[in-house]
Amino acid sequence: MPYADETFDFVFCANSQMYFTDDQKEQLLKEQQRVLKIGGRIASKEYDGETIILYPIPTELWFKLKNAVCQVLFARAEKDYYDEYVARKERTLFFKIGLKDIATIAYPVQMFAPLSSHQKNYIAQESQWFIKTASPYLSKSEILQLESYFDPDSSEYILDKEDFSYLMVEFMSIGTKTE
């Protein structure tokens, strides 16, 4: 960061740590800590991909999809790194770099029918990424079934169903630089 030591009272980071390996995350947090004044705080908000639930997709198919995503992500090379599970690591990283008075809260992000066009677009794009990522571990029929849930021309389309629900858990960790 092109800033002098102890420049800021507060550093905020959101939905970005997933693009870095654990070692890189630690280095980034140390750099954020470097530019903090004594008594300054770092806040990081990240989501945990394991906590995403889409209903009415059948539970067994959704879990198979999420398990396949996990297998692909853990097998990727560092240049293609993506950490769908970063939120659960933030608190540990804060302790590791020496932040104090660490507080972490988890909160749900919920969307229910009727969805706005923006919400539909977000959910469809995220789900299409899951399907594409998981495809090496899914059968052709599973891929087609999953894709049909997000195709507005399909009788299986779920984003307009009155019982549709989406849930994800995000985590906010905040820590203080004391020395």
N, C-alpha and C. Protein backbone atom coordinates (compact mmCIF):
# COMPACT_ATOMS: atom_id res chain seq x y z
N MET A 1 0.85 -1.18 0.00
CA MET A 1 0.00 0.00 0.00
C MET A 1 0.89 1.24 0.00
N PRO A 2 0.59 2.17 -0.82
CA PRO A 2 1.47 3.34 -0.94
C PRO A 2 1.18 4.40 0.13
N TYR A 3 1.12 3.98 1.37
CA TYR A 3 0.84 4.91 2.47
C TYR A 3 1.91 4.75 3.55
N ALA A 4 2.15 5.82 4.26
CA ALA A 4 3.12 5.77 5.35
C ALA A 4 2.58 4.93 6.51
N ASP A 5 3.50 4.46 7.34
CA ASP A 5 3.11 3.74 8.55
C ASP A 5 2.18 4.62 9.38
N GLU A 6 1.24 3.97 10.06
CA GLU A 6 0.34 4.61 11.02
C GLU A 6 -0.35 5.86 10.44
N THR A 7 -0.96 5.68 9.28
CA THR A 7 -1.66 6.77 8.59
C THR A 7 -3.15 6.80 8.92
N PHE A 8 -3.78 5.66 9.09
CA PHE A 8 -5.24 5.59 9.18
C PHE A 8 -5.72 5.12 10.55
N ASP A 9 -6.94 5.56 10.89
CA ASP A 9 -7.61 5.10 12.10
C ASP A 9 -8.40 3.82 11.85
N PHE A 10 -8.77 3.60 10.59
CA PHE A 10 -9.65 2.48 10.27
C PHE A 10 -9.36 1.99 8.85
N VAL A 11 -9.30 0.67 8.69
CA VAL A 11 -9.15 0.05 7.38
C VAL A 11 -10.29 -0.96 7.24
N PHE A 12 -11.00 -0.87 6.12
CA PHE A 12 -12.12 -1.77 5.85
C PHE A 12 -11.87 -2.53 4.56
N CYS A 13 -12.13 -3.83 4.59
CA CYS A 13 -11.94 -4.69 3.44
C CYS A 13 -13.17 -5.58 3.33
N ALA A 14 -13.71 -5.72 2.12
CA ALA A 14 -14.91 -6.55 1.96
C ALA A 14 -14.83 -7.40 0.70
N ASN A 15 -15.18 -8.67 0.86
CA ASN A 15 -15.31 -9.61 -0.25
C ASN A 15 -14.12 -9.58 -1.21
N SER A 16 -12.93 -9.58 -0.64
CA SER A 16 -11.74 -9.58 -1.49
C SER A 16 -10.71 -10.62 -1.07
N GLN A 17 -10.74 -11.05 0.17
CA GLN A 17 -9.73 -11.99 0.66
C GLN A 17 -9.80 -13.35 -0.04
N MET A 18 -10.94 -13.67 -0.65
CA MET A 18 -11.09 -14.98 -1.28
C MET A 18 -10.18 -15.19 -2.48
N TYR A 19 -9.62 -14.10 -2.99
CA TYR A 19 -8.77 -14.20 -4.18
C TYR A 19 -7.30 -14.45 -3.83
N PHE A 20 -7.00 -14.57 -2.56
CA PHE A 20 -5.62 -14.71 -2.12
C PHE A 20 -5.42 -15.99 -1.33
N THR A 21 -4.22 -16.58 -1.46
CA THR A 21 -3.88 -17.74 -0.65
C THR A 21 -3.81 -17.32 0.81
N ASP A 22 -3.76 -18.29 1.71
CA ASP A 22 -3.70 -17.96 3.14
C ASP A 22 -2.46 -17.14 3.47
N ASP A 23 -1.32 -17.48 2.88
CA ASP A 23 -0.10 -16.69 3.12
C ASP A 23 -0.27 -15.26 2.61
N GLN A 24 -0.87 -15.11 1.43
CA GLN A 24 -1.11 -13.78 0.88
C GLN A 24 -2.10 -12.99 1.75
N LYS A 25 -3.12 -13.68 2.26
CA LYS A 25 -4.09 -13.01 3.14
C LYS A 25 -3.37 -12.44 4.36
N GLU A 26 -2.50 -13.25 4.94
CA GLU A 26 -1.76 -12.79 6.12
C GLU A 26 -0.90 -11.58 5.78
N GLN A 27 -0.23 -11.62 4.64
CA GLN A 27 0.60 -10.47 4.23
C GLN A 27 -0.25 -9.22 4.00
N LEU A 28 -1.40 -9.39 3.37
CA LEU A 28 -2.30 -8.25 3.15
C LEU A 28 -2.78 -7.65 4.46
N LEU A 29 -3.13 -8.50 5.40
CA LEU A 29 -3.57 -8.00 6.70
C LEU A 29 -2.43 -7.31 7.44
N LYS A 30 -1.23 -7.84 7.33
CA LYS A 30 -0.08 -7.19 7.96
C LYS A 30 0.16 -5.81 7.35
N GLU A 31 -0.05 -5.71 6.05
CA GLU A 31 0.12 -4.42 5.37
C GLU A 31 -0.98 -3.44 5.81
N GLN A 32 -2.18 -3.93 5.97
CA GLN A 32 -3.25 -3.08 6.49
C GLN A 32 -2.93 -2.64 7.91
N GLN A 33 -2.40 -3.56 8.69
CA GLN A 33 -2.02 -3.25 10.07
C GLN A 33 -0.90 -2.20 10.10
N ARG A 34 0.03 -2.29 9.17
CA ARG A 34 1.14 -1.35 9.12
C ARG A 34 0.66 0.09 8.96
N VAL A 35 -0.35 0.30 8.13
CA VAL A 35 -0.82 1.67 7.86
C VAL A 35 -1.81 2.17 8.92
N LEU A 36 -2.14 1.32 9.89
CA LEU A 36 -3.04 1.71 10.98
C LEU A 36 -2.29 2.43 12.09
N LYS A 37 -2.91 3.44 12.64
CA LYS A 37 -2.39 4.08 13.84
C LYS A 37 -2.59 3.14 15.02
N ILE A 38 -1.80 3.31 16.07
CA ILE A 38 -2.02 2.56 17.31
C ILE A 38 -3.44 2.88 17.78
N GLY A 39 -4.18 1.86 18.13
CA GLY A 39 -5.58 2.03 18.52
C GLY A 39 -6.53 1.98 17.33
N GLY A 40 -5.98 1.94 16.12
CA GLY A 40 -6.81 1.84 14.91
C GLY A 40 -7.38 0.44 14.76
N ARG A 41 -8.39 0.35 13.92
CA ARG A 41 -9.10 -0.92 13.76
C ARG A 41 -9.14 -1.36 12.31
N ILE A 42 -9.05 -2.67 12.14
CA ILE A 42 -9.25 -3.30 10.84
C ILE A 42 -10.59 -4.03 10.90
N ALA A 43 -11.39 -3.86 9.87
CA ALA A 43 -12.64 -4.61 9.74
C ALA A 43 -12.62 -5.34 8.40
N SER A 44 -13.02 -6.59 8.43
CA SER A 44 -13.06 -7.39 7.22
C SER A 44 -14.39 -8.13 7.17
N LYS A 45 -15.09 -7.99 6.04
CA LYS A 45 -16.37 -8.67 5.83
C LYS A 45 -16.20 -9.66 4.68
N GLU A 46 -16.48 -10.90 4.96
CA GLU A 46 -16.38 -11.94 3.95
C GLU A 46 -17.56 -12.90 4.10
N TYR A 47 -17.84 -13.64 3.05
CA TYR A 47 -18.91 -14.63 3.13
C TYR A 47 -18.30 -16.02 3.15
N ASP A 48 -19.11 -16.99 3.55
CA ASP A 48 -18.69 -18.38 3.56
C ASP A 48 -19.58 -19.15 2.60
N GLY A 49 -18.99 -19.60 1.50
CA GLY A 49 -19.75 -20.26 0.46
C GLY A 49 -20.45 -21.54 0.89
N GLU A 50 -19.97 -22.16 1.94
CA GLU A 50 -20.63 -23.38 2.41
C GLU A 50 -22.02 -23.08 2.95
N THR A 51 -22.24 -21.86 3.38
CA THR A 51 -23.51 -21.53 4.03
C THR A 51 -24.62 -21.14 3.06
N ILE A 52 -24.34 -21.11 1.76
CA ILE A 52 -25.35 -20.72 0.79
C ILE A 52 -26.39 -21.83 0.63
N ILE A 53 -27.64 -21.44 0.78
CA ILE A 53 -28.76 -22.37 0.62
C ILE A 53 -29.73 -21.77 -0.40
N LEU A 54 -30.11 -22.57 -1.38
CA LEU A 54 -31.12 -22.17 -2.35
C LEU A 54 -32.27 -23.17 -2.27
N TYR A 55 -33.45 -22.67 -2.06
CA TYR A 55 -34.64 -23.52 -2.02
C TYR A 55 -35.59 -23.01 -3.09
N PRO A 56 -36.15 -23.85 -3.90
CA PRO A 56 -36.45 -25.27 -3.73
C PRO A 56 -35.57 -26.26 -4.51
N ILE A 57 -34.30 -26.01 -4.68
CA ILE A 57 -33.42 -27.03 -5.27
C ILE A 57 -33.36 -28.20 -4.29
N PRO A 58 -33.51 -29.43 -4.78
CA PRO A 58 -33.44 -30.59 -3.88
C PRO A 58 -32.13 -30.59 -3.09
N THR A 59 -32.24 -30.82 -1.81
CA THR A 59 -31.10 -30.75 -0.89
C THR A 59 -29.94 -31.62 -1.35
N GLU A 60 -30.21 -32.87 -1.75
CA GLU A 60 -29.12 -33.77 -2.13
C GLU A 60 -28.39 -33.27 -3.37
N LEU A 61 -29.10 -32.66 -4.31
CA LEU A 61 -28.45 -32.12 -5.50
C LEU A 61 -27.64 -30.88 -5.16
N TRP A 62 -28.19 -30.02 -4.30
CA TRP A 62 -27.46 -28.81 -3.88
C TRP A 62 -26.18 -29.19 -3.14
N PHE A 63 -26.25 -30.17 -2.24
CA PHE A 63 -25.05 -30.59 -1.51
C PHE A 63 -24.03 -31.23 -2.45
N LYS A 64 -24.49 -31.98 -3.44
CA LYS A 64 -23.56 -32.57 -4.40
C LYS A 64 -22.85 -31.46 -5.17
N LEU A 65 -23.60 -30.44 -5.58
CA LEU A 65 -23.01 -29.29 -6.28
C LEU A 65 -21.97 -28.61 -5.40
N LYS A 66 -22.32 -28.30 -4.17
CA LYS A 66 -21.39 -27.59 -3.27
C LYS A 66 -20.16 -28.44 -2.96
N ASN A 67 -20.33 -29.75 -2.80
CA ASN A 67 -19.19 -30.64 -2.57
C ASN A 67 -18.27 -30.66 -3.79
N ALA A 68 -18.85 -30.68 -4.98
CA ALA A 68 -18.05 -30.67 -6.20
C ALA A 68 -17.27 -29.36 -6.33
N VAL A 69 -17.90 -28.24 -5.99
CA VAL A 69 -17.20 -26.95 -6.00
C VAL A 69 -16.00 -27.01 -5.06
N CYS A 70 -16.20 -27.55 -3.88
CA CYS A 70 -15.12 -27.67 -2.90
C CYS A 70 -13.97 -28.51 -3.46
N GLN A 71 -14.28 -29.63 -4.08
CA GLN A 71 -13.24 -30.48 -4.65
C GLN A 71 -12.43 -29.74 -5.71
N VAL A 72 -13.11 -29.02 -6.57
CA VAL A 72 -12.43 -28.27 -7.63
C VAL A 72 -11.54 -27.19 -7.04
N LEU A 73 -12.08 -26.43 -6.09
CA LEU A 73 -11.32 -25.31 -5.54
C LEU A 73 -10.07 -25.77 -4.81
N PHE A 74 -10.16 -26.88 -4.09
CA PHE A 74 -8.99 -27.34 -3.36
C PHE A 74 -7.94 -28.00 -4.26
N ALA A 75 -8.33 -28.32 -5.49
CA ALA A 75 -7.38 -28.92 -6.43
C ALA A 75 -6.74 -27.89 -7.35
N ARG A 76 -7.18 -26.66 -7.31
CA ARG A 76 -6.69 -25.63 -8.23
C ARG A 76 -5.26 -25.20 -7.92
N ALA A 77 -4.60 -24.79 -8.98
CA ALA A 77 -3.25 -24.24 -8.84
C ALA A 77 -3.35 -22.85 -8.22
N GLU A 78 -2.24 -22.40 -7.65
CA GLU A 78 -2.22 -21.10 -6.96
C GLU A 78 -2.64 -19.96 -7.88
N LYS A 79 -2.28 -20.01 -9.14
CA LYS A 79 -2.63 -18.92 -10.07
C LYS A 79 -4.14 -18.82 -10.27
N ASP A 80 -4.87 -19.91 -10.04
CA ASP A 80 -6.33 -19.93 -10.18
C ASP A 80 -7.03 -19.96 -8.82
N TYR A 81 -6.33 -19.57 -7.79
CA TYR A 81 -6.81 -19.71 -6.42
C TYR A 81 -8.09 -18.91 -6.18
N TYR A 82 -9.02 -19.51 -5.46
CA TYR A 82 -10.24 -18.85 -5.02
C TYR A 82 -10.70 -19.57 -3.76
N ASP A 83 -10.87 -18.84 -2.68
CA ASP A 83 -11.21 -19.43 -1.38
C ASP A 83 -12.66 -19.12 -1.03
N GLU A 84 -13.52 -20.06 -1.35
CA GLU A 84 -14.95 -19.93 -1.11
C GLU A 84 -15.27 -19.96 0.39
N TYR A 85 -14.28 -20.29 1.22
CA TYR A 85 -14.51 -20.51 2.65
C TYR A 85 -13.67 -19.58 3.51
N VAL A 86 -13.36 -18.41 3.00
CA VAL A 86 -12.44 -17.49 3.66
C VAL A 86 -13.00 -16.93 4.96
N ALA A 87 -14.29 -16.72 5.04
CA ALA A 87 -14.87 -16.04 6.21
C ALA A 87 -14.51 -16.74 7.51
N ARG A 88 -14.50 -18.05 7.50
CA ARG A 88 -14.21 -18.80 8.73
C ARG A 88 -12.76 -18.66 9.18
N LYS A 89 -11.89 -18.15 8.28
CA LYS A 89 -10.47 -18.03 8.60
C LYS A 89 -10.08 -16.63 9.10
N GLU A 90 -10.92 -15.64 8.86
CA GLU A 90 -10.56 -14.26 9.16
C GLU A 90 -10.18 -14.05 10.62
N ARG A 91 -10.97 -14.57 11.52
CA ARG A 91 -10.70 -14.38 12.96
C ARG A 91 -9.33 -14.94 13.33
N THR A 92 -9.01 -16.13 12.82
CA THR A 92 -7.71 -16.75 13.09
C THR A 92 -6.58 -15.89 12.53
N LEU A 93 -6.77 -15.36 11.33
CA LEU A 93 -5.74 -14.49 10.74
C LEU A 93 -5.56 -13.22 11.57
N PHE A 94 -6.63 -12.67 12.09
CA PHE A 94 -6.52 -11.48 12.95
C PHE A 94 -5.67 -11.79 14.18
N PHE A 95 -5.93 -12.94 14.81
CA PHE A 95 -5.12 -13.34 15.98
C PHE A 95 -3.67 -13.52 15.57
N LYS A 96 -3.46 -14.18 14.43
CA LYS A 96 -2.11 -14.52 13.97
C LYS A 96 -1.24 -13.28 13.76
N ILE A 97 -1.83 -12.18 13.28
CA ILE A 97 -1.02 -10.97 13.04
C ILE A 97 -0.94 -10.07 14.27
N GLY A 98 -1.58 -10.50 15.38
CA GLY A 98 -1.43 -9.77 16.63
C GLY A 98 -2.47 -8.71 16.92
N LEU A 99 -3.58 -8.69 16.19
CA LEU A 99 -4.64 -7.75 16.54
C LEU A 99 -5.26 -8.15 17.87
N LYS A 100 -5.80 -7.19 18.58
CA LYS A 100 -6.41 -7.43 19.90
C LYS A 100 -7.89 -7.02 19.85
N ASP A 101 -8.59 -7.34 20.93
CA ASP A 101 -10.01 -6.99 21.06
C ASP A 101 -10.78 -7.40 19.81
N ILE A 102 -10.55 -8.62 19.37
CA ILE A 102 -11.16 -9.09 18.13
C ILE A 102 -12.61 -9.49 18.40
N ALA A 103 -13.48 -8.98 17.58
CA ALA A 103 -14.90 -9.32 17.65
C ALA A 103 -15.33 -9.81 16.28
N THR A 104 -16.10 -10.86 16.25
CA THR A 104 -16.63 -11.39 15.00
C THR A 104 -18.12 -11.59 15.16
N ILE A 105 -18.85 -11.14 14.16
CA ILE A 105 -20.28 -11.40 14.14
C ILE A 105 -20.62 -12.07 12.82
N ALA A 106 -21.59 -12.94 12.87
CA ALA A 106 -22.12 -13.58 11.67
C ALA A 106 -23.54 -13.08 11.49
N TYR A 107 -23.91 -12.84 10.26
CA TYR A 107 -25.27 -12.38 10.02
C TYR A 107 -25.77 -12.95 8.70
N PRO A 108 -27.06 -13.23 8.63
CA PRO A 108 -27.62 -13.80 7.42
C PRO A 108 -27.88 -12.76 6.35
N VAL A 109 -27.68 -13.16 5.12
CA VAL A 109 -28.12 -12.40 3.95
C VAL A 109 -29.24 -13.25 3.37
N GLN A 110 -30.44 -12.72 3.37
CA GLN A 110 -31.62 -13.49 2.98
C GLN A 110 -32.35 -12.81 1.84
N MET A 111 -32.83 -13.60 0.91
CA MET A 111 -33.67 -13.09 -0.18
C MET A 111 -34.83 -14.06 -0.35
N PHE A 112 -36.02 -13.50 -0.40
CA PHE A 112 -37.23 -14.30 -0.57
C PHE A 112 -38.04 -13.73 -1.73
N ALA A 113 -38.88 -14.58 -2.31
CA ALA A 113 -39.76 -14.12 -3.38
C ALA A 113 -40.72 -13.07 -2.82
N PRO A 114 -41.09 -12.09 -3.61
CA PRO A 114 -40.66 -11.86 -4.99
C PRO A 114 -39.29 -11.18 -5.02
N LEU A 115 -38.49 -11.60 -5.99
CA LEU A 115 -37.14 -11.07 -6.15
C LEU A 115 -37.12 -9.92 -7.16
N SER A 116 -36.25 -8.96 -6.91
CA SER A 116 -36.03 -7.89 -7.89
C SER A 116 -35.21 -8.47 -9.05
N SER A 117 -35.16 -7.75 -10.15
CA SER A 117 -34.35 -8.22 -11.29
C SER A 117 -32.88 -8.27 -10.91
N HIS A 118 -32.42 -7.33 -10.06
CA HIS A 118 -31.04 -7.35 -9.59
C HIS A 118 -30.76 -8.61 -8.77
N GLN A 119 -31.66 -8.97 -7.87
CA GLN A 119 -31.48 -10.17 -7.05
C GLN A 119 -31.46 -11.42 -7.92
N LYS A 120 -32.37 -11.49 -8.89
CA LYS A 120 -32.41 -12.65 -9.79
C LYS A 120 -31.09 -12.77 -10.56
N ASN A 121 -30.60 -11.65 -11.06
CA ASN A 121 -29.35 -11.66 -11.80
C ASN A 121 -28.19 -12.13 -10.93
N TYR A 122 -28.10 -11.61 -9.71
CA TYR A 122 -27.03 -11.99 -8.78
C TYR A 122 -27.08 -13.50 -8.50
N ILE A 123 -28.24 -14.00 -8.14
CA ILE A 123 -28.39 -15.41 -7.79
C ILE A 123 -28.11 -16.30 -9.00
N ALA A 124 -28.63 -15.92 -10.17
CA ALA A 124 -28.41 -16.72 -11.38
C ALA A 124 -26.92 -16.76 -11.74
N GLN A 125 -26.25 -15.61 -11.70
CA GLN A 125 -24.82 -15.59 -12.04
C GLN A 125 -24.00 -16.40 -11.04
N GLU A 126 -24.28 -16.24 -9.76
CA GLU A 126 -23.56 -17.01 -8.74
C GLU A 126 -23.78 -18.50 -8.95
N SER A 127 -25.01 -18.89 -9.19
CA SER A 127 -25.34 -20.31 -9.37
C SER A 127 -24.72 -20.87 -10.64
N GLN A 128 -24.71 -20.08 -11.70
CA GLN A 128 -24.07 -20.53 -12.93
C GLN A 128 -22.57 -20.74 -12.72
N TRP A 129 -21.94 -19.89 -11.90
CA TRP A 129 -20.53 -20.09 -11.58
C TRP A 129 -20.34 -21.41 -10.82
N PHE A 130 -21.22 -21.68 -9.84
CA PHE A 130 -21.14 -22.94 -9.10
C PHE A 130 -21.25 -24.13 -10.06
N ILE A 131 -22.22 -24.09 -10.95
CA ILE A 131 -22.45 -25.20 -11.88
C ILE A 131 -21.24 -25.39 -12.79
N LYS A 132 -20.75 -24.32 -13.36
CA LYS A 132 -19.58 -24.40 -14.25
C LYS A 132 -18.37 -24.94 -13.49
N THR A 133 -18.14 -24.43 -12.29
CA THR A 133 -16.99 -24.86 -11.49
C THR A 133 -17.10 -26.33 -11.12
N ALA A 134 -18.29 -26.77 -10.75
CA ALA A 134 -18.51 -28.14 -10.28
C ALA A 134 -18.64 -29.16 -11.41
N SER A 135 -18.77 -28.70 -12.63
CA SER A 135 -19.12 -29.60 -13.75
C SER A 135 -18.23 -30.83 -13.91
N PRO A 136 -16.91 -30.77 -13.59
CA PRO A 136 -16.12 -32.01 -13.73
C PRO A 136 -16.60 -33.15 -12.83
N TYR A 137 -17.34 -32.83 -11.78
CA TYR A 137 -17.78 -33.85 -10.82
C TYR A 137 -19.28 -34.12 -10.90
N LEU A 138 -19.96 -33.54 -11.88
CA LEU A 138 -21.40 -33.73 -12.03
C LEU A 138 -21.70 -34.46 -13.33
N SER A 139 -22.79 -35.22 -13.33
CA SER A 139 -23.22 -35.86 -14.57
C SER A 139 -23.88 -34.82 -15.47
N LYS A 140 -23.98 -35.14 -16.73
CA LYS A 140 -24.63 -34.25 -17.69
C LYS A 140 -26.08 -33.97 -17.26
N SER A 141 -26.77 -34.99 -16.78
CA SER A 141 -28.17 -34.80 -16.36
C SER A 141 -28.25 -33.89 -15.13
N GLU A 142 -27.29 -34.00 -14.22
CA GLU A 142 -27.28 -33.11 -13.05
C GLU A 142 -27.02 -31.66 -13.47
N ILE A 143 -26.10 -31.47 -14.40
CA ILE A 143 -25.80 -30.12 -14.90
C ILE A 143 -27.05 -29.53 -15.56
N LEU A 144 -27.70 -30.32 -16.42
CA LEU A 144 -28.90 -29.82 -17.10
C LEU A 144 -30.01 -29.51 -16.10
N GLN A 145 -30.17 -30.35 -15.10
CA GLN A 145 -31.19 -30.10 -14.08
C GLN A 145 -30.90 -28.80 -13.33
N LEU A 146 -29.66 -28.63 -12.89
CA LEU A 146 -29.29 -27.42 -12.18
C LEU A 146 -29.46 -26.18 -13.05
N GLU A 147 -29.03 -26.27 -14.29
CA GLU A 147 -29.18 -25.11 -15.20
C GLU A 147 -30.65 -24.74 -15.41
N SER A 148 -31.52 -25.74 -15.43
CA SER A 148 -32.95 -25.48 -15.66
C SER A 148 -33.56 -24.62 -14.55
N TYR A 149 -33.02 -24.72 -13.34
CA TYR A 149 -33.55 -23.93 -12.22
C TYR A 149 -33.33 -22.43 -12.42
N PHE A 150 -32.39 -22.06 -13.28
CA PHE A 150 -32.05 -20.65 -13.48
C PHE A 150 -32.35 -20.16 -14.90
N ASP A 151 -33.03 -20.99 -15.67
CA ASP A 151 -33.42 -20.65 -17.04
C ASP A 151 -34.88 -20.18 -17.02
N PRO A 152 -35.11 -18.89 -17.26
CA PRO A 152 -36.48 -18.36 -17.20
C PRO A 152 -37.45 -19.04 -18.17
N ASP A 153 -36.93 -19.71 -19.20
CA ASP A 153 -37.79 -20.40 -20.17
C ASP A 153 -38.09 -21.84 -19.76
N SER A 154 -37.52 -22.28 -18.65
CA SER A 154 -37.71 -23.65 -18.20
C SER A 154 -38.90 -23.75 -17.23
N SER A 155 -39.59 -24.88 -17.30
CA SER A 155 -40.68 -25.11 -16.35
C SER A 155 -40.13 -25.34 -14.94
N GLU A 156 -38.83 -25.58 -14.82
CA GLU A 156 -38.18 -25.80 -13.52
C GLU A 156 -37.64 -24.51 -12.90
N TYR A 157 -37.77 -23.39 -13.58
CA TYR A 157 -37.23 -22.10 -13.13
C TYR A 157 -37.73 -21.80 -11.71
N ILE A 158 -36.79 -21.49 -10.81
CA ILE A 158 -37.16 -21.32 -9.40
C ILE A 158 -37.20 -19.86 -8.93
N LEU A 159 -36.61 -18.94 -9.67
CA LEU A 159 -36.47 -17.58 -9.14
C LEU A 159 -37.78 -16.80 -9.09
N ASP A 160 -38.83 -17.31 -9.74
CA ASP A 160 -40.15 -16.68 -9.65
C ASP A 160 -41.11 -17.46 -8.76
N LYS A 161 -40.66 -18.55 -8.19
CA LYS A 161 -41.55 -19.35 -7.34
C LYS A 161 -41.83 -18.61 -6.03
N GLU A 162 -43.04 -18.69 -5.57
CA GLU A 162 -43.41 -17.95 -4.36
C GLU A 162 -42.74 -18.50 -3.11
N ASP A 163 -42.28 -19.75 -3.15
CA ASP A 163 -41.60 -20.33 -1.99
C ASP A 163 -40.08 -20.26 -2.10
N PHE A 164 -39.57 -19.51 -3.10
CA PHE A 164 -38.12 -19.40 -3.28
C PHE A 164 -37.48 -18.72 -2.05
N SER A 165 -36.31 -19.24 -1.67
CA SER A 165 -35.53 -18.57 -0.63
C SER A 165 -34.04 -18.78 -0.88
N TYR A 166 -33.27 -17.78 -0.48
CA TYR A 166 -31.82 -17.78 -0.60
C TYR A 166 -31.27 -17.34 0.74
N LEU A 167 -30.27 -18.05 1.21
CA LEU A 167 -29.64 -17.68 2.47
C LEU A 167 -28.14 -17.85 2.33
N MET A 168 -27.42 -16.88 2.86
CA MET A 168 -25.96 -16.94 2.91
C MET A 168 -25.56 -16.29 4.24
N VAL A 169 -24.47 -16.73 4.80
CA VAL A 169 -23.98 -16.13 6.04
C VAL A 169 -22.69 -15.36 5.73
N GLU A 170 -22.65 -14.12 6.17
CA GLU A 170 -21.45 -13.31 6.08
C GLU A 170 -20.89 -13.11 7.48
N PHE A 171 -19.59 -12.91 7.53
CA PHE A 171 -18.89 -12.69 8.81
C PHE A 171 -18.17 -11.33 8.75
N MET A 172 -18.26 -10.61 9.84
CA MET A 172 -17.52 -9.35 9.99
C MET A 172 -16.61 -9.53 11.19
N SER A 173 -15.30 -9.42 10.93
CA SER A 173 -14.32 -9.45 12.02
C SER A 173 -13.69 -8.07 12.15
N ILE A 174 -13.52 -7.64 13.38
CA ILE A 174 -12.92 -6.33 13.67
C ILE A 174 -11.86 -6.55 14.74
N GLY A 175 -10.69 -5.97 14.51
CA GLY A 175 -9.60 -6.08 15.48
C GLY A 175 -8.88 -4.76 15.62
N THR A 176 -8.19 -4.61 16.75
CA THR A 176 -7.52 -3.35 17.10
C THR A 176 -6.01 -3.55 17.13
N LYS A 177 -5.30 -2.58 16.57
CA LYS A 177 -3.83 -2.56 16.63
C LYS A 177 -3.46 -1.91 17.95
N THR A 178 -2.70 -2.62 18.78
CA THR A 178 -2.35 -2.10 20.10
C THR A 178 -0.87 -1.74 20.24
N GLU A 179 -0.05 -2.14 19.30
CA GLU A 179 1.38 -1.80 19.38
C GLU A 179 1.98 -1.61 18.03
